[in-house]
Amino acid sequence: MSEMIGIGTDLCAVSRMEKAIQKAHFYERVFFEEERAYLDAKENARAQSAAAMFAAKEAAAKALGTGFICGIMPWTIQVTHTENGAPGILLHGAAKERLEAMGGRRVHVSLTHEGDMAMAFVIIEG
């Protein structure tokens, strides 16, 4: 029987992310190549999607019980999407190690955005 062992949520302003992703250093460091390809295909919704994905990275770090410390950084948390657009999370490096140490087996994520705000909710099952 699985149980919830971690939960996190985060809110991100789309206007803040719109400015941040214009800086190549930020965009290339924070988002994986696959994430950037997904965002670049979004055209008019690029900033909204980037804000939701960044919120997911923050929410995942909170669900891991650490936030962005101990080597768990935005570039160790990858937001994926299925062919039909459903979001997912892949963890790398210290984030993956933390998930394994806490007995995590599955990570669930939900994303939403409205106007200037984007939100993510992450649950880790053990």
Protein backbone atom coordinates (compact mmCIF):
# COMPACT_ATOMS: atom_id res chain seq x y z
CA MET A 1 0.00 0.00 0.00
CA SER A 2 1.40 3.39 -0.97
CA GLU A 3 1.22 6.50 1.16
CA MET A 4 1.86 10.18 0.63
CA ILE A 5 5.32 11.01 1.97
CA GLY A 6 5.83 14.47 0.49
CA ILE A 7 3.72 17.40 -0.64
CA GLY A 8 4.65 20.76 -2.11
CA THR A 9 3.04 23.68 -3.88
CA ASP A 10 4.33 26.87 -5.44
CA LEU A 11 3.04 29.99 -7.17
CA CYS A 12 4.99 31.92 -9.82
CA ALA A 13 4.20 35.23 -11.52
CA VAL A 14 4.10 34.90 -15.30
CA SER A 15 5.42 38.47 -15.75
CA ARG A 16 8.47 37.65 -13.60
CA MET A 17 9.17 34.49 -15.60
CA GLU A 18 8.68 36.31 -18.90
CA LYS A 19 11.57 38.62 -17.99
CA ALA A 20 13.72 35.78 -16.59
CA ILE A 21 13.50 33.52 -19.67
CA GLN A 22 14.73 36.37 -21.88
CA LYS A 23 18.11 35.94 -20.16
CA ALA A 24 19.90 33.05 -21.90
CA HIS A 25 21.94 32.21 -18.79
CA PHE A 26 18.79 31.68 -16.71
CA TYR A 27 16.82 29.92 -19.45
CA GLU A 28 19.59 27.47 -20.34
CA ARG A 29 20.61 26.76 -16.76
CA VAL A 30 17.16 26.29 -15.20
CA PHE A 31 15.39 24.42 -18.02
CA PHE A 32 16.54 21.14 -19.57
CA GLU A 33 16.95 21.03 -23.36
CA GLU A 34 13.68 19.06 -23.68
CA GLU A 35 11.88 21.62 -21.51
CA ARG A 36 13.18 24.48 -23.67
CA ALA A 37 12.01 22.70 -26.83
CA TYR A 38 8.54 22.30 -25.28
CA LEU A 39 8.48 25.96 -24.21
CA ASP A 40 9.78 27.27 -27.54
CA ALA A 41 6.91 25.47 -29.30
CA LYS A 42 4.40 27.27 -27.06
CA GLU A 43 4.95 30.66 -28.77
CA ASN A 44 2.36 32.99 -27.14
CA ALA A 45 1.97 30.80 -24.03
CA ARG A 46 5.72 30.38 -23.50
CA ALA A 47 5.96 32.55 -20.37
CA GLN A 48 2.83 31.01 -18.82
CA SER A 49 4.14 27.50 -19.40
CA ALA A 50 7.63 28.43 -18.14
CA ALA A 51 6.12 29.90 -14.97
CA ALA A 52 4.07 26.73 -14.37
CA MET A 53 7.11 24.53 -14.98
CA PHE A 54 9.29 26.62 -12.66
CA ALA A 55 6.56 26.42 -10.00
CA ALA A 56 6.63 22.63 -10.45
CA LYS A 57 10.38 22.58 -9.82
CA GLU A 58 9.89 24.61 -6.62
CA ALA A 59 6.94 22.47 -5.52
CA ALA A 60 8.94 19.28 -6.13
CA ALA A 61 11.85 20.61 -4.04
CA LYS A 62 9.39 21.37 -1.23
CA ALA A 63 7.82 17.90 -1.54
CA LEU A 64 11.33 16.46 -1.18
CA GLY A 65 11.47 18.30 2.14
CA THR A 66 14.44 20.47 1.26
CA GLY A 67 13.62 23.36 -1.02
CA PHE A 68 16.51 24.48 -3.20
CA ILE A 69 19.42 23.41 -0.96
CA CYS A 70 21.71 20.40 -0.52
CA GLY A 71 22.35 20.13 -4.27
CA ILE A 72 18.64 20.04 -5.11
CA MET A 73 18.30 22.82 -7.65
CA PRO A 74 15.97 23.64 -10.55
CA TRP A 75 18.35 21.90 -12.97
CA THR A 76 17.96 18.59 -11.03
CA ILE A 77 14.17 18.60 -11.50
CA GLN A 78 12.78 18.10 -14.99
CA VAL A 79 9.17 18.71 -16.02
CA THR A 80 7.99 16.37 -18.76
CA HIS A 81 4.78 16.16 -20.78
CA THR A 82 3.05 13.17 -22.34
CA GLU A 83 1.84 13.32 -25.95
CA ASN A 84 -1.55 14.50 -24.70
CA GLY A 85 0.04 17.23 -22.56
CA ALA A 86 -0.16 15.66 -19.07
CA PRO A 87 2.78 16.87 -16.94
CA GLY A 88 5.24 14.64 -15.13
CA ILE A 89 8.44 15.00 -13.10
CA LEU A 90 11.84 13.36 -13.61
CA LEU A 91 14.45 13.80 -10.90
CA HIS A 92 18.20 13.81 -11.47
CA GLY A 93 21.29 13.94 -9.27
CA ALA A 94 20.72 15.07 -5.68
CA ALA A 95 16.94 15.31 -6.21
CA LYS A 96 16.77 11.67 -7.33
CA GLU A 97 19.01 10.64 -4.43
CA ARG A 98 16.75 12.47 -1.95
CA LEU A 99 13.65 10.78 -3.42
CA GLU A 100 15.26 7.36 -3.02
CA ALA A 101 16.46 8.15 0.53
CA MET A 102 12.95 9.10 1.62
CA GLY A 103 11.48 5.95 0.04
CA GLY A 104 9.68 7.76 -2.75
CA ARG A 105 8.32 5.62 -5.56
CA ARG A 106 6.14 7.99 -7.58
CA VAL A 107 5.93 11.73 -8.12
CA HIS A 108 2.64 13.35 -9.18
CA VAL A 109 2.35 16.92 -10.47
CA SER A 110 -0.51 19.21 -11.44
CA LEU A 111 0.03 22.56 -13.18
CA THR A 112 -2.31 25.47 -13.79
CA HIS A 113 -2.10 29.10 -14.87
CA GLU A 114 -4.52 31.98 -15.06
CA GLY A 115 -3.67 35.53 -16.01
CA ASP A 116 -0.35 36.49 -14.42
CA MET A 117 -0.14 33.55 -12.02
CA ALA A 118 0.97 29.93 -12.47
CA MET A 119 0.75 27.24 -9.82
CA ALA A 120 2.02 23.71 -9.32
CA PHE A 121 1.16 21.01 -6.82
CA VAL A 122 3.42 17.98 -6.26
CA ILE A 123 2.78 14.81 -4.26
CA ILE A 124 5.36 12.10 -3.60
CA GLU A 125 4.14 8.58 -2.93
CA GLY A 126 6.16 6.05 -0.97
